[in-house]
Protein backbone atom coordinates (compact mmCIF):
# COMPACT_ATOMS: atom_id res chain seq x y z
CA MET A 1 -8.48 34.22 -19.75
CA SER A 2 -8.37 31.87 -16.70
CA THR A 3 -11.19 29.74 -18.07
CA SER A 4 -9.46 29.16 -21.46
CA THR A 5 -6.19 28.35 -19.48
CA THR A 6 -7.66 25.73 -17.40
CA GLN A 7 -9.50 24.17 -20.24
CA LEU A 8 -6.65 23.73 -22.43
CA PRO A 9 -5.46 20.41 -20.83
CA GLN A 10 -8.70 19.02 -21.31
CA LEU A 11 -8.40 19.49 -25.03
CA ASN A 12 -5.22 17.57 -25.31
CA PRO A 13 -6.27 14.49 -27.15
CA LYS A 14 -3.27 12.51 -25.89
CA ARG A 15 -3.92 13.05 -22.13
CA TRP A 16 -5.27 9.60 -21.41
CA LYS A 17 -2.46 7.91 -23.33
CA ALA A 18 -0.01 10.01 -21.53
CA LEU A 19 -1.66 8.95 -18.21
CA MET A 20 -1.18 5.35 -19.05
CA LEU A 21 2.38 5.91 -20.00
CA LEU A 22 3.34 7.90 -16.93
CA GLY A 23 1.38 5.38 -14.71
CA PHE A 24 3.33 2.63 -16.25
CA ALA A 25 6.54 4.44 -15.63
CA ASN A 26 5.49 4.92 -11.88
CA PHE A 27 4.69 1.17 -11.83
CA LEU A 28 8.24 0.50 -12.96
CA VAL A 29 9.84 2.72 -10.29
CA MET A 30 7.72 1.41 -7.44
CA MET A 31 8.34 -2.28 -8.66
CA ASP A 32 12.23 -1.57 -8.73
CA SER A 33 12.38 -1.52 -4.99
CA ALA A 34 10.12 -4.65 -4.58
CA ILE A 35 10.98 -6.88 -7.40
CA ILE A 36 14.41 -7.68 -6.15
CA GLN A 37 13.40 -8.54 -2.51
CA VAL A 38 12.71 -12.15 -3.33
CA ALA A 39 16.00 -12.25 -5.33
CA LEU A 40 18.12 -11.21 -2.46
CA PRO A 41 19.09 -14.94 -1.41
CA ALA A 42 20.03 -15.65 -4.92
CA ILE A 43 22.09 -12.49 -5.17
CA LYS A 44 23.81 -13.32 -1.89
CA ASN A 45 24.92 -16.78 -3.22
CA SER A 46 25.95 -15.50 -6.63
CA LEU A 47 28.12 -12.46 -5.51
CA GLY A 48 29.09 -13.71 -2.01
CA TYR A 49 27.40 -11.09 0.01
CA ALA A 50 27.67 -11.35 3.83
CA GLU A 51 24.34 -11.41 5.58
CA ALA A 52 25.09 -7.97 7.17
CA HIS A 53 25.96 -6.39 3.76
CA LEU A 54 23.15 -7.81 1.62
CA GLN A 55 20.64 -4.98 2.66
CA TRP A 56 22.72 -2.45 0.64
CA VAL A 57 21.30 -3.94 -2.54
CA MET A 58 18.13 -2.38 -1.36
CA ASN A 59 19.53 0.61 0.72
CA ALA A 60 21.72 1.96 -2.09
CA PHE A 61 18.48 2.49 -4.24
CA LEU A 62 16.64 4.04 -1.33
CA LEU A 63 19.32 6.43 -0.35
CA LEU A 64 19.54 8.24 -3.74
CA PHE A 65 15.79 7.80 -4.36
CA GLY A 66 14.81 9.32 -1.23
CA GLY A 67 17.60 11.79 -1.23
CA LEU A 68 16.94 13.24 -4.89
CA LEU A 69 13.21 13.38 -5.05
CA LEU A 70 12.98 17.08 -4.06
CA LEU A 71 15.67 18.13 -6.46
CA GLY A 72 14.18 15.82 -9.20
CA GLY A 73 10.85 17.83 -8.83
CA ARG A 74 12.43 21.28 -8.96
CA LEU A 75 14.57 20.34 -12.00
CA SER A 76 11.41 19.36 -13.80
CA ASP A 77 10.02 22.87 -13.16
CA LEU A 78 13.17 24.55 -14.48
CA PHE A 79 14.24 22.31 -17.38
CA GLY A 80 11.13 21.07 -18.69
CA ARG A 81 9.11 18.06 -17.39
CA ARG A 82 9.36 15.69 -20.48
CA LEU A 83 13.17 16.21 -20.69
CA ILE A 84 13.76 15.37 -16.95
CA PHE A 85 11.36 12.47 -17.16
CA MET A 86 13.08 11.00 -20.21
CA LEU A 87 16.44 11.67 -18.68
CA GLY A 88 15.32 9.71 -15.52
CA VAL A 89 14.17 6.84 -17.67
CA LEU A 90 17.41 6.80 -19.68
CA ILE A 91 19.41 6.69 -16.33
CA LEU A 92 17.30 3.94 -14.95
CA THR A 93 17.51 1.87 -18.14
CA VAL A 94 21.38 2.13 -18.34
CA ALA A 95 21.91 1.50 -14.74
CA SER A 96 19.61 -1.59 -14.92
CA LEU A 97 21.79 -3.05 -17.62
CA PHE A 98 24.86 -2.62 -15.59
CA ALA A 99 23.15 -3.97 -12.37
CA GLY A 100 21.97 -6.96 -14.32
CA LEU A 101 25.62 -7.58 -15.51
CA ALA A 102 27.19 -6.74 -12.20
CA TRP A 103 30.51 -8.78 -11.57
CA ASN A 104 30.77 -8.05 -7.89
CA GLN A 105 29.07 -6.54 -4.89
CA GLY A 106 30.30 -2.92 -5.36
CA SER A 107 29.31 -2.78 -9.07
CA LEU A 108 25.77 -4.04 -8.12
CA ASN A 109 25.53 -1.51 -5.18
CA ILE A 110 26.76 1.45 -7.42
CA ALA A 111 24.29 0.49 -10.22
CA ARG A 112 21.39 0.19 -7.81
CA GLY A 113 22.15 3.66 -6.41
CA ILE A 114 22.12 5.13 -10.01
CA GLN A 115 18.79 3.29 -10.51
CA GLY A 116 17.52 5.22 -7.47
CA ALA A 117 18.82 8.62 -8.88
CA GLY A 118 17.05 7.89 -12.22
CA SER A 119 13.80 6.99 -10.39
CA ALA A 120 14.12 10.29 -8.43
CA LEU A 121 13.79 12.13 -11.63
CA ILE A 122 10.99 10.01 -13.13
CA ALA A 123 8.49 10.11 -10.29
CA PRO A 124 8.08 13.77 -9.66
CA ALA A 125 8.32 14.71 -13.34
CA ALA A 126 5.53 12.15 -14.28
CA LEU A 127 3.22 13.46 -11.65
CA SER A 128 3.77 17.00 -12.58
CA ILE A 129 2.95 16.19 -16.18
CA ILE A 130 -0.37 14.53 -15.10
CA MET A 131 -1.19 17.57 -12.79
CA LEU A 132 -0.86 19.85 -15.82
CA LEU A 133 -2.68 17.57 -18.21
CA PHE A 134 -5.76 17.41 -16.03
CA LYS A 135 -5.62 20.66 -14.27
CA GLY A 136 -8.97 22.52 -14.24
CA ASN A 137 -11.25 19.45 -14.39
CA ASN A 138 -11.70 18.04 -10.94
CA GLU A 139 -13.50 14.98 -12.04
CA GLU A 140 -10.73 13.96 -14.51
CA MET A 141 -7.99 14.92 -12.05
CA GLY A 142 -9.57 12.51 -9.46
CA LYS A 143 -9.56 9.75 -11.97
CA ALA A 144 -6.03 10.60 -13.03
CA LEU A 145 -4.67 10.56 -9.48
CA ALA A 146 -6.49 7.36 -8.83
CA VAL A 147 -4.69 5.66 -11.80
CA TRP A 148 -1.40 7.24 -10.53
CA GLY A 149 -1.96 5.82 -6.99
CA LEU A 150 -2.93 2.48 -8.25
CA SER A 151 0.05 2.15 -10.59
CA GLY A 152 2.48 2.87 -7.67
CA ALA A 153 0.63 0.35 -5.26
CA ALA A 154 0.44 -2.29 -7.97
CA GLY A 155 4.19 -1.83 -8.73
CA GLY A 156 5.17 -2.57 -5.12
CA SER A 157 2.78 -5.47 -4.67
CA ILE A 158 3.13 -7.28 -8.02
CA GLY A 159 6.89 -6.63 -7.90
CA ILE A 160 7.34 -9.08 -5.00
CA VAL A 161 5.38 -11.86 -6.92
CA LEU A 162 6.92 -11.12 -10.27
CA GLY A 163 10.50 -11.11 -8.66
CA GLY A 164 9.90 -14.62 -7.30
CA MET A 165 8.72 -15.95 -10.61
CA ILE A 166 11.59 -14.25 -12.69
CA THR A 167 14.33 -15.54 -10.23
CA GLN A 168 12.94 -18.99 -10.21
CA LEU A 169 12.48 -19.22 -14.09
CA PHE A 170 15.33 -17.22 -15.38
CA GLY A 171 17.66 -16.20 -12.56
CA TRP A 172 18.12 -13.05 -10.35
CA ARG A 173 19.85 -10.93 -13.11
CA TRP A 174 16.65 -10.75 -15.15
CA THR A 175 14.89 -9.01 -12.25
CA LEU A 176 17.07 -6.03 -13.26
CA LEU A 177 17.68 -6.67 -16.90
CA ILE A 178 13.86 -6.58 -17.57
CA TYR A 179 14.02 -2.90 -17.12
CA VAL A 180 16.30 -2.49 -20.27
CA PRO A 181 13.51 -3.40 -22.94
CA LEU A 182 10.85 -1.72 -20.84
CA GLY A 183 12.79 1.39 -20.47
CA LEU A 184 13.58 1.60 -24.13
CA LEU A 185 9.82 1.20 -24.80
CA VAL A 186 8.90 4.02 -22.38
CA LEU A 187 11.49 6.32 -24.08
CA TYR A 188 10.09 5.49 -27.49
CA LEU A 189 6.56 6.23 -26.33
CA SER A 190 7.55 9.40 -24.57
CA PHE A 191 8.69 10.94 -27.89
CA ARG A 192 5.37 10.04 -29.56
CA ILE A 193 2.88 10.90 -26.83
CA LEU A 194 4.36 13.58 -24.42
CA ASP A 195 4.34 17.18 -25.42
CA LYS A 196 7.86 18.87 -25.18
CA GLY A 197 6.80 21.59 -22.94
CA ASN A 198 8.56 24.80 -22.19
CA ARG A 199 11.76 25.42 -20.18
CA LYS A 200 11.13 28.12 -17.31
CA LYS A 201 13.42 30.76 -16.60
CA GLY A 202 15.42 30.44 -13.37
CA LYS A 203 18.73 29.31 -11.93
CA ILE A 204 19.42 26.23 -9.68
CA ASP A 205 19.68 27.05 -6.08
CA TYR A 206 23.07 25.12 -5.72
CA ALA A 207 23.46 25.68 -1.99
CA GLY A 208 19.85 24.56 -1.38
CA ALA A 209 20.25 21.55 -3.58
CA ILE A 210 23.28 20.34 -1.95
CA THR A 211 22.11 20.85 1.66
CA VAL A 212 18.64 19.31 1.16
CA THR A 213 19.86 16.35 -0.79
CA ALA A 214 22.57 15.57 1.75
CA ALA A 215 20.08 16.05 4.54
CA LEU A 216 17.59 13.64 3.06
CA MET A 217 20.13 11.11 2.15
CA LEU A 218 21.50 11.20 5.70
CA LEU A 219 17.97 11.05 7.00
CA VAL A 220 17.29 7.83 5.14
CA PHE A 221 20.75 6.38 5.97
CA GLY A 222 20.24 7.26 9.73
CA ILE A 223 16.81 5.27 9.53
CA VAL A 224 18.45 2.45 7.86
CA ASN A 225 21.25 2.45 10.39
CA ALA A 226 18.79 2.47 13.31
CA GLN A 227 17.21 -0.74 12.03
CA GLU A 228 20.76 -2.39 12.17
CA SER A 229 22.25 -0.67 15.34
CA GLY A 230 19.31 0.74 17.18
CA TRP A 231 18.04 4.27 17.82
CA GLN A 232 20.23 4.84 20.76
CA ASN A 233 23.42 3.92 18.97
CA LEU A 234 25.88 6.70 18.66
CA SER A 235 26.33 6.50 14.94
CA THR A 236 22.56 6.60 14.56
CA ILE A 237 22.29 9.56 16.69
CA LEU A 238 25.23 11.42 15.01
CA ILE A 239 23.92 10.79 11.38
CA LEU A 240 20.38 12.01 12.29
CA SER A 241 21.66 14.93 14.23
CA ILE A 242 23.85 16.03 11.17
CA ALA A 243 20.72 15.55 9.05
CA GLY A 244 18.72 17.83 11.31
CA VAL A 245 21.42 20.45 11.15
CA LEU A 246 21.48 20.31 7.31
CA LEU A 247 17.67 20.66 7.05
CA ILE A 248 17.68 23.72 9.31
CA THR A 249 20.57 25.08 7.14
CA PHE A 250 18.52 24.40 4.15
CA ILE A 251 15.46 26.27 5.49
CA SER A 252 17.72 29.26 6.38
CA ILE A 253 19.11 29.30 2.89
CA GLN A 254 15.58 29.13 1.30
CA ALA A 255 14.31 32.06 3.47
CA LYS A 256 17.19 34.27 2.04
CA ARG A 257 17.21 33.21 -1.64
CA LYS A 258 15.36 35.28 -4.32
CA GLN A 259 15.10 32.00 -6.35
CA PRO A 260 15.09 29.17 -3.91
CA LEU A 261 14.98 25.52 -4.68
CA MET A 262 11.84 25.26 -2.49
CA PRO A 263 9.98 28.51 -1.83
CA LEU A 264 8.70 28.34 1.74
CA GLY A 265 5.54 30.20 0.80
CA ILE A 266 4.42 26.88 -0.84
CA PHE A 267 3.47 25.54 2.60
CA LYS A 268 0.95 28.47 3.21
CA THR A 269 -1.21 26.40 0.95
CA ARG A 270 -3.19 24.68 3.73
CA ASN A 271 -4.17 21.57 1.97
CA LEU A 272 -0.80 21.06 0.41
CA SER A 273 0.73 21.00 3.99
CA ALA A 274 -2.10 18.90 5.25
CA GLY A 275 -1.76 16.45 2.34
CA ASN A 276 1.88 16.02 3.01
CA ILE A 277 1.46 15.36 6.62
CA SER A 278 -1.35 12.90 5.85
CA LEU A 279 0.84 11.05 3.27
CA ILE A 280 3.45 10.61 5.94
CA LEU A 281 1.01 9.14 8.47
CA LEU A 282 -0.52 6.89 5.82
CA ALA A 283 2.87 5.51 4.83
CA VAL A 284 3.81 5.07 8.56
CA SER A 285 0.74 2.97 9.10
CA TRP A 286 0.37 1.12 5.71
CA PHE A 287 3.96 -0.13 4.88
CA PRO A 288 4.57 -1.73 8.32
CA LEU A 289 1.19 -3.38 7.95
CA VAL A 290 2.11 -5.15 4.71
CA TYR A 291 5.68 -5.91 5.99
CA PHE A 292 4.55 -7.57 9.15
CA LEU A 293 1.50 -9.38 7.56
CA ILE A 294 4.02 -11.11 5.22
CA LEU A 295 6.18 -12.05 8.11
CA TYR A 296 3.08 -13.24 10.00
CA LEU A 297 2.18 -15.48 7.07
CA GLN A 298 5.69 -16.92 6.89
CA GLN A 299 6.99 -17.01 10.36
CA VAL A 300 3.79 -17.63 12.35
CA LEU A 301 1.30 -19.50 10.06
CA LYS A 302 4.18 -21.16 8.16
CA PHE A 303 3.25 -20.31 4.62
CA GLU A 304 6.05 -20.95 2.11
CA PRO A 305 7.52 -17.59 0.60
CA PHE A 306 5.55 -17.91 -2.71
CA ALA A 307 2.29 -18.78 -0.96
CA ALA A 308 2.71 -15.75 1.29
CA ALA A 309 3.26 -13.62 -1.69
CA MET A 310 0.16 -15.02 -3.33
CA GLY A 311 -1.61 -14.48 0.03
CA MET A 312 -0.83 -10.76 -0.23
CA LEU A 313 -1.98 -10.67 -3.77
CA PRO A 314 -5.47 -9.73 -2.90
CA ALA A 315 -4.19 -6.39 -1.56
CA PRO A 316 -3.26 -4.73 -4.88
CA ILE A 317 -6.30 -6.28 -6.66
CA LEU A 318 -8.68 -4.88 -4.18
CA MET A 319 -6.85 -1.56 -4.05
CA ALA A 320 -7.30 -1.35 -7.90
CA ILE A 321 -11.05 -1.85 -7.51
CA PHE A 322 -11.52 0.41 -4.71
CA MET A 323 -9.32 3.11 -6.08
CA ILE A 324 -10.99 3.27 -9.52
CA ALA A 325 -14.55 2.21 -8.64
CA VAL A 326 -15.02 3.65 -5.05
CA ALA A 327 -12.50 6.12 -3.86
CA GLU A 328 -13.07 8.74 -6.57
CA ARG A 329 -16.84 8.58 -6.29
CA ILE A 330 -16.89 8.72 -2.53
CA MET A 331 -14.39 11.81 -2.60
CA LYS A 332 -16.65 13.55 -5.19
CA LYS A 333 -19.66 12.99 -2.93
CA LEU A 334 -18.21 13.56 0.67
CA GLY A 335 -15.19 15.70 -0.09
CA MET A 336 -11.50 15.17 0.66
CA LYS A 337 -11.76 15.58 4.43
CA LEU A 338 -14.41 13.14 5.38
CA THR A 339 -13.13 10.68 2.73
CA MET A 340 -9.59 10.74 4.12
CA ALA A 341 -10.92 10.41 7.72
CA ILE A 342 -12.97 7.34 6.82
CA GLY A 343 -9.88 5.81 5.00
CA PHE A 344 -7.61 6.27 7.96
CA SER A 345 -10.31 4.87 10.44
CA LEU A 346 -10.76 1.71 8.20
CA LEU A 347 -7.03 1.29 8.05
CA GLY A 348 -6.86 1.65 11.79
CA ILE A 349 -9.58 -0.93 12.36
CA SER A 350 -7.80 -3.33 10.08
CA SER A 351 -4.56 -2.97 12.18
CA LEU A 352 -6.31 -3.51 15.43
CA LEU A 353 -7.91 -6.68 14.00
CA LEU A 354 -4.44 -7.94 13.08
CA SER A 355 -3.05 -6.97 16.60
CA GLY A 356 -5.42 -9.68 17.94
CA ASN A 357 -4.27 -12.39 15.68
CA SER A 358 -2.99 -15.67 17.28
CA VAL A 359 -0.30 -18.28 16.31
CA GLY A 360 -3.38 -20.53 15.23
CA GLY A 361 -4.99 -17.95 12.90
CA ASP A 362 -6.87 -18.85 9.87
CA TYR A 363 -6.15 -16.99 6.56
CA TRP A 364 -9.61 -16.14 5.53
CA GLY A 365 -10.88 -14.99 8.81
CA ASP A 366 -7.76 -13.51 10.36
CA VAL A 367 -5.79 -12.13 7.22
CA PHE A 368 -8.14 -11.63 4.25
CA VAL A 369 -10.74 -9.63 5.97
CA PRO A 370 -8.11 -7.24 7.42
CA ILE A 371 -6.60 -7.02 3.97
CA LEU A 372 -10.01 -6.19 2.61
CA LEU A 373 -10.50 -3.40 5.13
CA ALA A 374 -6.85 -2.18 4.80
CA ALA A 375 -7.07 -1.90 1.00
CA LEU A 376 -10.28 0.05 1.17
CA GLY A 377 -8.92 2.22 3.81
CA ASN A 378 -5.63 2.87 2.07
CA ALA A 379 -7.50 3.74 -1.20
CA LEU A 380 -9.92 6.06 0.64
CA ALA A 381 -7.18 7.82 2.48
CA TYR A 382 -4.60 7.89 -0.49
CA LEU A 383 -6.53 9.54 -3.02
CA PRO A 384 -7.67 12.74 -1.06
CA ALA A 385 -4.16 12.96 0.49
CA THR A 386 -2.52 12.96 -2.95
CA THR A 387 -5.12 15.43 -4.36
CA ALA A 388 -4.67 17.68 -1.34
CA SER A 389 -0.83 17.67 -1.64
CA VAL A 390 -0.63 18.48 -5.33
CA ALA A 391 -3.87 19.69 -6.84
CA GLU A 392 -3.48 23.31 -5.63
CA ALA A 393 0.06 24.04 -6.64
CA SER A 394 0.80 26.50 -9.30
CA ASP A 395 1.90 25.39 -12.70
CA GLU A 396 5.42 26.87 -12.12
CA GLN A 397 5.58 24.80 -8.76
CA SER A 398 3.94 21.55 -9.82
CA GLY A 399 7.28 19.69 -10.04
CA LEU A 400 8.27 20.90 -6.58
CA ALA A 401 4.84 19.73 -5.26
CA SER A 402 5.30 16.41 -6.90
CA GLY A 403 8.77 16.02 -5.36
CA LEU A 404 7.36 16.95 -1.95
CA TYR A 405 4.62 14.58 -2.27
CA ASN A 406 7.08 11.59 -3.22
CA THR A 407 9.62 12.68 -0.66
CA SER A 408 6.69 12.64 2.21
CA TYR A 409 5.56 9.19 1.10
CA GLN A 410 9.10 7.73 1.07
CA ILE A 411 10.33 9.10 4.24
CA GLY A 412 7.13 8.07 5.92
CA SER A 413 7.47 4.51 4.83
CA ALA A 414 11.28 4.44 5.84
CA VAL A 415 10.55 5.97 9.30
CA GLY A 416 7.39 3.99 9.90
CA LEU A 417 9.10 0.66 9.12
CA ALA A 418 12.17 1.39 11.02
CA VAL A 419 10.20 2.46 14.10
CA MET A 420 7.61 -0.46 14.03
CA VAL A 421 10.40 -2.96 13.41
CA SER A 422 12.14 -1.66 16.68
CA ILE A 423 8.89 -1.87 18.51
CA ALA A 424 8.35 -5.42 17.46
CA ALA A 425 11.98 -6.47 18.16
CA SER A 426 11.89 -5.04 21.69
CA VAL A 427 8.59 -6.88 22.51
CA THR A 428 9.98 -10.11 21.07
CA ALA A 429 13.19 -9.86 23.14
CA THR A 430 11.33 -9.64 26.44
CA SER A 431 8.58 -12.26 25.44
CA SER A 432 8.70 -15.92 26.37
CA GLY A 433 7.30 -19.09 24.72
CA SER A 434 7.82 -20.90 21.38
CA GLU A 435 9.44 -18.92 18.41
CA GLU A 436 5.99 -18.53 16.89
CA VAL A 437 4.35 -17.17 20.06
CA VAL A 438 7.44 -14.83 20.79
CA LEU A 439 7.45 -13.48 17.13
CA ASN A 440 3.70 -12.95 17.08
CA HIS A 441 3.74 -10.87 20.29
CA GLY A 442 6.08 -8.48 18.58
CA TYR A 443 3.87 -8.41 15.27
CA GLN A 444 0.86 -7.71 17.51
CA GLU A 445 2.52 -4.69 19.15
CA ALA A 446 3.55 -3.29 15.72
CA PHE A 447 0.10 -3.69 14.29
CA PHE A 448 -1.38 -1.96 17.45
CA TRP A 449 0.83 1.14 17.02
CA GLY A 450 0.14 1.17 13.40
CA ALA A 451 -3.56 1.43 14.15
CA MET A 452 -2.88 4.32 16.58
CA ILE A 453 -0.95 6.14 13.84
CA ALA A 454 -3.98 5.65 11.36
CA PHE A 455 -6.45 6.87 13.88
CA LEU A 456 -4.17 9.96 14.33
CA GLY A 457 -4.35 10.47 10.52
CA ALA A 458 -8.17 10.45 10.77
CA ILE A 459 -8.21 13.14 13.43
CA LEU A 460 -5.81 15.37 11.65
CA ALA A 461 -7.75 14.96 8.40
CA LEU A 462 -10.82 16.31 10.14
CA VAL A 463 -8.98 19.22 11.66
CA LEU A 464 -6.53 20.27 8.81
CA VAL A 465 -7.92 19.37 5.51
CA ARG A 466 -10.46 21.61 3.69
CA SER A 467 -12.45 19.96 0.96
CA LEU A 468 -13.04 21.92 -2.38
CA LYS A 469 -16.58 22.68 -1.33
CA ASP A 470 -15.47 23.85 1.99
CA LYS A 471 -13.13 26.29 0.51
CA SER A 472 -15.73 27.59 -2.08
């Protein structure tokens, strides 16, 4: 019985086409938060944003995306993964149309928030479908998760370059309107390629859904507020405290519910818990590295914005090569534990090298070599961390596991960036010298602590993660 069940997905002749479609959808989701970054100055001039309010073009998306991921994953388990995936694509497409046609700041912020809500349905549903299509074949699952990871990384990196090109050639509105034809294409192909699937029996845990969504949104909002006002600001402390109370309330509700939104027993799966912890640490060490490296190129080495973006372009290209050609093979040979530990270690070494960069740094020696190591390290750590966090979930909880995976990565990136920005700012404020020297001191400190987080990830991987061959 079990053998035939696990081999059924392998017999699906559309599984590789489905993977390409779902990977493309993930590419669009990750690109959505990056493509508009380069367009922010043009948006500011067009709609009259004050500098302090401009960040809400980004934050509105992040708030609803981060807050609804867990709920989106559970909804895909209950109502069908293709249905929730396509609903998310439809919401993203319509919201992108209104965002591109925005007539004032409020309309753009609201549309961006709705884009985030649609994306929060797409990401966990898409990964859940991939898990079910390739379940039972570890080799194919590894390749599929490598493609999934690559699509997200490429979306974030290429989005910055593409955003600059589109803004310069066609205007900022087309960084949003481009999602309309692409979204319609994804919807059409979804009808043709994705199986309808079955709706599971069960009810929505409304109390759990409300508390965890509010908690996650407040957590993201508190982190965003900390970047503006500081971690010791009363509003930051209050927001994060309320988020903590709501999270405790959510856990209490889940422990008492017969049909909880998130069965707490899911965390008894050791690799799932270890994988999510690893994803948080990976995001904390990776995203600030990319952020401060772009700033180093522009503010210290004085690269023009487009030149800085092109200077970072090797990162997604190298990650594509390493994710597809290297990471999956190494994980197959060494197992998840050692592969992840090696990846975190390489990422830590890269950050340590960057922490020693000077104001007279050279791109090829001081930037490209660390990018090479970071791309390899990220690929080697990301693939086993993703595999650990989702591969052992039951079919009934695959959407929930996907939502947890996405939530961990998003929260990790938000927390990591906010903390490292605060560290860099505090060092910069107490440094002396030219503007380049002062800024570089802050960047060096952020890179150093990013390295420490990466090395911590390597240690925890060795302690917590069990490779499949270890389990057998």
